[in-house]
PDB file of N, CA and C in Angstrom:
ATOM      1  N   UNK A   1       0.841  -1.175   0.000  1.00  0.00           N
ATOM      2  CA  UNK A   1       0.000   0.000   0.000  1.00  0.00           C
ATOM      3  C   UNK A   1       0.883   1.234   0.000  1.00  0.00           C
ATOM      4  N   UNK A   2       2.026   1.156   0.631  1.00  0.00           N
ATOM      5  CA  UNK A   2       2.981   2.236   0.553  1.00  0.00           C
ATOM      6  C   UNK A   2       2.473   3.533   1.143  1.00  0.00           C
ATOM      7  N   UNK A   3       2.857   4.592   0.476  1.00  0.00           N
ATOM      8  CA  UNK A   3       2.550   5.934   0.960  1.00  0.00           C
ATOM      9  C   UNK A   3       1.117   6.353   0.688  1.00  0.00           C
ATOM     10  N   UNK A   4       0.456   5.720  -0.235  1.00  0.00           N
ATOM     11  CA  UNK A   4      -0.885   6.125  -0.658  1.00  0.00           C
ATOM     12  C   UNK A   4      -1.920   5.099  -0.209  1.00  0.00           C
ATOM     13  N   UNK A   5      -3.086   5.599   0.135  1.00  0.00           N
ATOM     14  CA  UNK A   5      -4.172   4.687   0.500  1.00  0.00           C
ATOM     15  C   UNK A   5      -4.727   4.038  -0.753  1.00  0.00           C
ATOM     16  N   UNK A   6      -5.000   2.768  -0.660  1.00  0.00           N
ATOM     17  CA  UNK A   6      -5.601   2.070  -1.790  1.00  0.00           C
ATOM     18  C   UNK A   6      -7.085   2.403  -1.868  1.00  0.00           C
ATOM     19  N   UNK A   7      -7.692   2.081  -2.969  1.00  0.00           N
ATOM     20  CA  UNK A   7      -9.131   2.316  -3.144  1.00  0.00           C
ATOM     21  C   UNK A   7      -9.932   1.570  -2.087  1.00  0.00           C
ATOM     22  N   UNK A   8      -9.466   0.413  -1.686  1.00  0.00           N
ATOM     23  CA  UNK A   8     -10.158  -0.360  -0.652  1.00  0.00           C
ATOM     24  C   UNK A   8     -10.104   0.354   0.694  1.00  0.00           C
ATOM     25  N   UNK A   9      -8.969   0.926   1.035  1.00  0.00           N
ATOM     26  CA  UNK A   9      -8.834   1.642   2.303  1.00  0.00           C
ATOM     27  C   UNK A   9      -9.693   2.900   2.316  1.00  0.00           C
ATOM     28  N   UNK A  10      -9.793   3.580   1.184  1.00  0.00           N
ATOM     29  CA  UNK A  10     -10.632   4.775   1.088  1.00  0.00           C
ATOM     30  C   UNK A  10     -12.093   4.387   1.284  1.00  0.00           C
ATOM     31  N   UNK A  11     -12.520   3.316   0.616  1.00  0.00           N
ATOM     32  CA  UNK A  11     -13.897   2.837   0.766  1.00  0.00           C
ATOM     33  C   UNK A  11     -14.175   2.412   2.202  1.00  0.00           C
ATOM     34  N   UNK A  12     -13.223   1.741   2.816  1.00  0.00           N
ATOM     35  CA  UNK A  12     -13.392   1.289   4.199  1.00  0.00           C
ATOM     36  C   UNK A  12     -13.541   2.467   5.149  1.00  0.00           C
ATOM     37  N   UNK A  13     -12.796   3.538   4.918  1.00  0.00           N
ATOM     38  CA  UNK A  13     -12.923   4.705   5.795  1.00  0.00           C
ATOM     39  C   UNK A  13     -14.307   5.330   5.662  1.00  0.00           C
ATOM     40  N   UNK A  14     -14.850   5.356   4.457  1.00  0.00           N
ATOM     41  CA  UNK A  14     -16.202   5.876   4.244  1.00  0.00           C
ATOM     42  C   UNK A  14     -17.252   5.008   4.909  1.00  0.00           C
ATOM     43  N   UNK A  15     -17.088   3.696   4.808  1.00  0.00           N
ATOM     44  CA  UNK A  15     -18.040   2.776   5.442  1.00  0.00           C
ATOM     45  C   UNK A  15     -17.987   2.882   6.967  1.00  0.00           C
ATOM     46  N   UNK A  16     -16.801   3.023   7.513  1.00  0.00           N
ATOM     47  CA  UNK A  16     -16.654   3.186   8.957  1.00  0.00           C
ATOM     48  C   UNK A  16     -17.326   4.470   9.424  1.00  0.00           C
ATOM     49  N   UNK A  17     -17.143   5.540   8.669  1.00  0.00           N
ATOM     50  CA  UNK A  17     -17.762   6.824   9.014  1.00  0.00           C
ATOM     51  C   UNK A  17     -19.283   6.727   8.956  1.00  0.00           C
ATOM     52  N   UNK A  18     -19.811   6.084   7.935  1.00  0.00           N
ATOM     53  CA  UNK A  18     -21.267   5.950   7.812  1.00  0.00           C
ATOM     54  C   UNK A  18     -21.841   5.033   8.882  1.00  0.00           C
ATOM     55  N   UNK A  19     -21.079   4.018   9.288  1.00  0.00           N
ATOM     56  CA  UNK A  19     -21.525   3.148  10.379  1.00  0.00           C
ATOM     57  C   UNK A  19     -21.657   3.961  11.662  1.00  0.00           C
ATOM     58  N   UNK A  20     -20.702   4.839  11.914  1.00  0.00           N
ATOM     59  CA  UNK A  20     -20.773   5.690  13.104  1.00  0.00           C
ATOM     60  C   UNK A  20     -21.968   6.635  13.025  1.00  0.00           C
ATOM     61  N   UNK A  21     -22.236   7.179  11.841  1.00  0.00           N
ATOM     62  CA  UNK A  21     -23.392   8.066  11.679  1.00  0.00           C
ATOM     63  C   UNK A  21     -24.684   7.304  11.979  1.00  0.00           C
ATOM     64  N   UNK A  22     -24.772   6.042  11.535  1.00  0.00           N
ATOM     65  CA  UNK A  22     -25.965   5.236  11.803  1.00  0.00           C
ATOM     66  C   UNK A  22     -26.109   4.940  13.296  1.00  0.00           C
ATOM     67  N   UNK A  23     -25.008   4.659  13.983  1.00  0.00           N
ATOM     68  CA  UNK A  23     -25.056   4.397  15.421  1.00  0.00           C
ATOM     69  C   UNK A  23     -25.518   5.635  16.185  1.00  0.00           C
ATOM     70  N   UNK A  24     -25.035   6.800  15.784  1.00  0.00           N
ATOM     71  CA  UNK A  24     -25.445   8.039  16.444  1.00  0.00           C
ATOM     72  C   UNK A  24     -26.916   8.327  16.153  1.00  0.00           C
ATOM     73  N   UNK A  25     -27.361   8.088  14.927  1.00  0.00           N
ATOM     74  CA  UNK A  25     -28.776   8.285  14.587  1.00  0.00           C
ATOM     75  C   UNK A  25     -29.657   7.348  15.411  1.00  0.00           C
ATOM     76  N   UNK A  26     -29.239   6.101  15.579  1.00  0.00           N
ATOM     77  CA  UNK A  26     -30.004   5.149  16.394  1.00  0.00           C
ATOM     78  C   UNK A  26     -30.070   5.617  17.845  1.00  0.00           C
ATOM     79  N   UNK A  27     -28.978   6.152  18.354  1.00  0.00           N
ATOM     80  CA  UNK A  27     -28.960   6.687  19.714  1.00  0.00           C
ATOM     81  C   UNK A  27     -29.906   7.881  19.840  1.00  0.00           C
ATOM     82  N   UNK A  28     -29.927   8.735  18.828  1.00  0.00           N
ATOM     83  CA  UNK A  28     -30.836   9.884  18.841  1.00  0.00           C
ATOM     84  C   UNK A  28     -32.296   9.436  18.833  1.00  0.00           C
ATOM     85  N   UNK A  29     -32.604   8.419  18.045  1.00  0.00           N
ATOM     86  CA  UNK A  29     -33.974   7.895  17.995  1.00  0.00           C
ATOM     87  C   UNK A  29     -34.349   7.271  19.338  1.00  0.00           C
ATOM     88  N   UNK A  30     -33.424   6.518  19.922  1.00  0.00           N
ATOM     89  CA  UNK A  30     -33.697   5.879  21.209  1.00  0.00           C
ATOM     90  C   UNK A  30     -33.959   6.910  22.306  1.00  0.00           C
ATOM     91  N   UNK A  31     -33.375   8.083  22.177  1.00  0.00           N
ATOM     92  CA  UNK A  31     -33.534   9.128  23.191  1.00  0.00           C
ATOM     93  C   UNK A  31     -34.511  10.220  22.779  1.00  0.00           C
ATOM     94  N   UNK A  32     -35.325   9.968  21.771  1.00  0.00           N
ATOM     95  CA  UNK A  32     -36.240  10.990  21.251  1.00  0.00           C
ATOM     96  C   UNK A  32     -37.191  11.518  22.317  1.00  0.00           C
ATOM     97  N   UNK A  33     -37.596  10.681  23.251  1.00  0.00           N
ATOM     98  CA  UNK A  33     -38.537  11.113  24.286  1.00  0.00           C
ATOM     99  C   UNK A  33     -37.870  11.298  25.646  1.00  0.00           C
ATOM    100  N   UNK A  34     -36.555  11.369  25.653  1.00  0.00           N
ATOM    101  CA  UNK A  34     -35.834  11.624  26.895  1.00  0.00           C
ATOM    102  C   UNK A  34     -35.981  13.099  27.244  1.00  0.00           C
ATOM    103  N   UNK A  35     -36.488  13.372  28.411  1.00  0.00           N
ATOM    104  CA  UNK A  35     -36.732  14.766  28.795  1.00  0.00           C
ATOM    105  C   UNK A  35     -35.603  15.367  29.612  1.00  0.00           C
ATOM    106  N   UNK A  36     -34.751  14.513  30.161  1.00  0.00           N
ATOM    107  CA  UNK A  36     -33.716  15.040  31.036  1.00  0.00           C
ATOM    108  C   UNK A  36     -32.503  14.114  31.013  1.00  0.00           C
ATOM    109  N   UNK A  37     -31.339  14.706  30.925  1.00  0.00           N
ATOM    110  CA  UNK A  37     -30.092  13.948  30.955  1.00  0.00           C
ATOM    111  C   UNK A  37     -29.673  13.731  32.407  1.00  0.00           C
ATOM    112  N   UNK A  38     -28.692  12.875  32.669  1.00  0.00           N
ATOM    113  CA  UNK A  38     -28.214  12.696  34.047  1.00  0.00           C
ATOM    114  C   UNK A  38     -27.719  14.006  34.675  1.00  0.00           C
ATOM    115  N   UNK A  39     -27.267  14.940  33.831  1.00  0.00           N
ATOM    116  CA  UNK A  39     -26.800  16.233  34.334  1.00  0.00           C
ATOM    117  C   UNK A  39     -27.963  17.177  34.646  1.00  0.00           C
ATOM    118  N   UNK A  40     -29.183  16.813  34.253  1.00  0.00           N
ATOM    119  CA  UNK A  40     -30.353  17.613  34.546  1.00  0.00           C
ATOM    120  C   UNK A  40     -30.863  18.453  33.391  1.00  0.00           C
ATOM    121  N   UNK A  41     -30.098  18.570  32.333  1.00  0.00           N
ATOM    122  CA  UNK A  41     -30.522  19.369  31.187  1.00  0.00           C
ATOM    123  C   UNK A  41     -31.320  18.549  30.196  1.00  0.00           C
ATOM    124  N   UNK A  42     -31.859  19.199  29.175  1.00  0.00           N
ATOM    125  CA  UNK A  42     -32.618  18.474  28.151  1.00  0.00           C
ATOM    126  C   UNK A  42     -31.680  17.664  27.248  1.00  0.00           C
ATOM    127  N   UNK A  43     -32.197  16.566  26.712  1.00  0.00           N
ATOM    128  CA  UNK A  43     -31.398  15.777  25.774  1.00  0.00           C
ATOM    129  C   UNK A  43     -31.230  16.564  24.482  1.00  0.00           C
ATOM    130  N   UNK A  44     -30.036  16.572  23.967  1.00  0.00           N
ATOM    131  CA  UNK A  44     -29.758  17.201  22.674  1.00  0.00           C
ATOM    132  C   UNK A  44     -29.231  16.128  21.740  1.00  0.00           C
ATOM    133  N   UNK A  45     -29.780  16.130  20.537  1.00  0.00           N
ATOM    134  CA  UNK A  45     -29.328  15.124  19.580  1.00  0.00           C
ATOM    135  C   UNK A  45     -27.841  15.304  19.314  1.00  0.00           C
ATOM    136  N   UNK A  46     -27.204  14.214  18.976  1.00  0.00           N
ATOM    137  CA  UNK A  46     -25.773  14.208  18.697  1.00  0.00           C
ATOM    138  C   UNK A  46     -25.548  14.231  17.189  1.00  0.00           C
ATOM    139  N   UNK A  47     -24.456  14.823  16.775  1.00  0.00           N
ATOM    140  CA  UNK A  47     -24.087  14.881  15.369  1.00  0.00           C
ATOM    141  C   UNK A  47     -22.646  14.423  15.215  1.00  0.00           C
ATOM    142  N   UNK A  48     -22.392  13.667  14.160  1.00  0.00           N
ATOM    143  CA  UNK A  48     -21.036  13.224  13.857  1.00  0.00           C
ATOM    144  C   UNK A  48     -20.375  14.284  12.993  1.00  0.00           C
ATOM    145  N   UNK A  49     -19.139  14.602  13.318  1.00  0.00           N
ATOM    146  CA  UNK A  49     -18.376  15.581  12.547  1.00  0.00           C
ATOM    147  C   UNK A  49     -17.321  14.819  11.755  1.00  0.00           C
ATOM    148  N   UNK A  50     -17.373  14.988  10.440  1.00  0.00           N
ATOM    149  CA  UNK A  50     -16.432  14.318   9.547  1.00  0.00           C
ATOM    150  C   UNK A  50     -15.411  15.312   9.008  1.00  0.00           C
ATOM    151  N   UNK A  51     -14.280  14.793   8.601  1.00  0.00           N
ATOM    152  CA  UNK A  51     -13.277  15.589   7.898  1.00  0.00           C
ATOM    153  C   UNK A  51     -12.680  14.720   6.805  1.00  0.00           C
ATOM    154  N   UNK A  52     -12.222  15.363   5.790  1.00  0.00           N
ATOM    155  CA  UNK A  52     -11.589  14.653   4.693  1.00  0.00           C
ATOM    156  C   UNK A  52     -10.147  14.341   5.053  1.00  0.00           C
ATOM    157  N   UNK A  53      -9.717  13.138   4.760  1.00  0.00           N
ATOM    158  CA  UNK A  53      -8.319  12.760   4.944  1.00  0.00           C
ATOM    159  C   UNK A  53      -7.538  13.039   3.673  1.00  0.00           C
ATOM    160  N   UNK A  54      -8.140  13.796   2.828  1.00  0.00           N
ATOM    161  CA  UNK A  54      -7.645  14.106   1.502  1.00  0.00           C
ATOM    162  C   UNK A  54      -6.226  14.651   1.526  1.00  0.00           C
ATOM    163  N   UNK A  55      -5.314  13.894   1.081  1.00  0.00           N
ATOM    164  CA  UNK A  55      -3.925  14.320   0.894  1.00  0.00           C
ATOM    165  C   UNK A  55      -3.233  14.807   2.155  1.00  0.00           C
ATOM    166  N   UNK A  56      -3.786  14.544   3.340  1.00  0.00           N
ATOM    167  CA  UNK A  56      -3.143  15.035   4.553  1.00  0.00           C
ATOM    168  C   UNK A  56      -1.747  14.449   4.729  1.00  0.00           C
ATOM    169  N   UNK A  57      -1.590  13.203   4.381  1.00  0.00           N
ATOM    170  CA  UNK A  57      -0.282  12.583   4.525  1.00  0.00           C
ATOM    171  C   UNK A  57       0.720  13.160   3.532  1.00  0.00           C
ATOM    172  N   UNK A  58       0.218  13.630   2.401  1.00  0.00           N
ATOM    173  CA  UNK A  58       1.100  14.154   1.368  1.00  0.00           C
ATOM    174  C   UNK A  58       1.393  15.635   1.538  1.00  0.00           C
ATOM    175  N   UNK A  59       0.475  16.365   2.150  1.00  0.00           N
ATOM    176  CA  UNK A  59       0.636  17.795   2.299  1.00  0.00           C
ATOM    177  C   UNK A  59       0.098  18.580   1.123  1.00  0.00           C
ATOM    178  N   UNK A  60      -0.058  17.936  -0.030  1.00  0.00           N
ATOM    179  CA  UNK A  60      -0.608  18.602  -1.213  1.00  0.00           C
ATOM    180  C   UNK A  60      -1.104  17.541  -2.178  1.00  0.00           C
ATOM    181  N   UNK A  61      -1.964  17.929  -3.123  1.00  0.00           N
ATOM    182  CA  UNK A  61      -2.444  16.954  -4.110  1.00  0.00           C
ATOM    183  C   UNK A  61      -1.293  16.350  -4.902  1.00  0.00           C
ATOM    184  N   UNK A  62      -1.412  15.094  -5.180  1.00  0.00           N
ATOM    185  CA  UNK A  62      -0.410  14.377  -5.959  1.00  0.00           C
ATOM    186  C   UNK A  62      -0.920  14.223  -7.379  1.00  0.00           C
ATOM    187  N   UNK A  63      -0.284  14.880  -8.299  1.00  0.00           N
ATOM    188  CA  UNK A  63      -0.655  14.811  -9.719  1.00  0.00           C
ATOM    189  C   UNK A  63      -2.119  15.169  -9.941  1.00  0.00           C
ATOM    190  N   UNK A  64      -2.678  16.043  -9.109  1.00  0.00           N
ATOM    191  CA  UNK A  64      -4.060  16.469  -9.285  1.00  0.00           C
ATOM    192  C   UNK A  64      -5.094  15.459  -8.843  1.00  0.00           C
ATOM    193  N   UNK A  65      -4.672  14.328  -8.277  1.00  0.00           N
ATOM    194  CA  UNK A  65      -5.608  13.297  -7.835  1.00  0.00           C
ATOM    195  C   UNK A  65      -5.894  13.448  -6.349  1.00  0.00           C
ATOM    196  N   UNK A  66      -7.113  13.161  -5.974  1.00  0.00           N
ATOM    197  CA  UNK A  66      -7.506  13.200  -4.572  1.00  0.00           C
ATOM    198  C   UNK A  66      -7.262  11.837  -3.952  1.00  0.00           C
ATOM    199  N   UNK A  67      -6.365  11.782  -2.994  1.00  0.00           N
ATOM    200  CA  UNK A  67      -6.064  10.537  -2.299  1.00  0.00           C
ATOM    201  C   UNK A  67      -6.432  10.713  -0.840  1.00  0.00           C
ATOM    202  N   UNK A  68      -7.023   9.741  -0.248  1.00  0.00           N
ATOM    203  CA  UNK A  68      -7.373   9.834   1.165  1.00  0.00           C
ATOM    204  C   UNK A  68      -8.639   9.095   1.478  1.00  0.00           C
ATOM    205  N   UNK A  69      -9.438   9.669   2.321  1.00  0.00           N
ATOM    206  CA  UNK A  69     -10.674   9.039   2.742  1.00  0.00           C
ATOM    207  C   UNK A  69     -11.421   9.965   3.671  1.00  0.00           C
ATOM    208  N   UNK A  70     -12.131   9.382   4.625  1.00  0.00           N
ATOM    209  CA  UNK A  70     -12.925  10.152   5.579  1.00  0.00           C
ATOM    210  C   UNK A  70     -12.459   9.786   6.975  1.00  0.00           C
ATOM    211  N   UNK A  71     -12.391  10.779   7.838  1.00  0.00           N
ATOM    212  CA  UNK A  71     -12.100  10.494   9.240  1.00  0.00           C
ATOM    213  C   UNK A  71     -13.172  11.130  10.108  1.00  0.00           C
ATOM    214  N   UNK A  72     -13.416  10.522  11.249  1.00  0.00           N
ATOM    215  CA  UNK A  72     -14.392  11.047  12.199  1.00  0.00           C
ATOM    216  C   UNK A  72     -13.637  11.966  13.148  1.00  0.00           C
ATOM    217  N   UNK A  73     -14.022  13.236  13.156  1.00  0.00           N
ATOM    218  CA  UNK A  73     -13.368  14.216  14.011  1.00  0.00           C
ATOM    219  C   UNK A  73     -13.930  14.143  15.422  1.00  0.00           C
ATOM    220  N   UNK A  74     -15.230  13.914  15.522  1.00  0.00           N
ATOM    221  CA  UNK A  74     -15.842  13.831  16.839  1.00  0.00           C
ATOM    222  C   UNK A  74     -17.352  13.740  16.758  1.00  0.00           C
ATOM    223  N   UNK A  75     -17.956  13.665  17.919  1.00  0.00           N
ATOM    224  CA  UNK A  75     -19.413  13.662  18.043  1.00  0.00           C
ATOM    225  C   UNK A  75     -19.751  14.820  18.965  1.00  0.00           C
ATOM    226  N   UNK A  76     -20.637  15.692  18.493  1.00  0.00           N
ATOM    227  CA  UNK A  76     -20.981  16.862  19.299  1.00  0.00           C
ATOM    228  C   UNK A  76     -22.485  17.036  19.381  1.00  0.00           C
ATOM    229  N   UNK A  77     -22.947  17.685  20.441  1.00  0.00           N
ATOM    230  CA  UNK A  77     -24.392  17.914  20.571  1.00  0.00           C
ATOM    231  C   UNK A  77     -24.861  19.006  19.618  1.00  0.00           C
ATOM    232  N   UNK A  78     -26.107  18.905  19.215  1.00  0.00           N
ATOM    233  CA  UNK A  78     -26.728  19.934  18.387  1.00  0.00           C
ATOM    234  C   UNK A  78     -26.883  21.187  19.244  1.00  0.00           C
ATOM    235  N   UNK A  79     -26.446  22.323  18.732  1.00  0.00           N
ATOM    236  CA  UNK A  79     -26.479  23.553  19.525  1.00  0.00           C
ATOM    237  C   UNK A  79     -27.588  24.515  19.108  1.00  0.00           C
ATOM    238  N   UNK A  80     -28.505  24.058  18.250  1.00  0.00           N
ATOM    239  CA  UNK A  80     -29.598  24.942  17.859  1.00  0.00           C
ATOM    240  C   UNK A  80     -30.484  25.234  19.066  1.00  0.00           C
ATOM    241  N   UNK A  81     -31.139  26.380  19.025  1.00  0.00           N
ATOM    242  CA  UNK A  81     -31.981  26.799  20.140  1.00  0.00           C
ATOM    243  C   UNK A  81     -33.158  25.841  20.310  1.00  0.00           C
ATOM    244  N   UNK A  82     -33.432  25.493  21.545  1.00  0.00           N
ATOM    245  CA  UNK A  82     -34.538  24.584  21.839  1.00  0.00           C
ATOM    246  C   UNK A  82     -35.863  25.336  21.788  1.00  0.00           C
ATOM    247  N   UNK A  83     -36.949  24.667  21.364  1.00  0.00           N
ATOM    248  CA  UNK A  83     -38.255  25.330  21.345  1.00  0.00           C
ATOM    249  C   UNK A  83     -38.740  25.620  22.766  1.00  0.00           C
ATOM    250  N   UNK A  84     -39.501  26.660  22.881  1.00  0.00           N
ATOM    251  CA  UNK A  84     -40.012  27.056  24.205  1.00  0.00           C
ATOM    252  C   UNK A  84     -41.400  26.513  24.408  1.00  0.00           C
TER     253      UNK A  84
END
């Protein structure tokens, strides 16, 4: 595989990212009627934050081709204002 990710590794990173998105969505659905968290506040849906792994190892595009994949940066709560 060397210095560059193979097409299989790129696809695998995308599948891993989408699996995490599905797990977070399932958690949000399971908590849809949760009125209070253990900390006492209202439940806020979670969102997965993705970033491109595009050429990060190279520092710049190689011959104009996009090499890389997807990485999960984190999971964060939705910060939109709650209805009153």
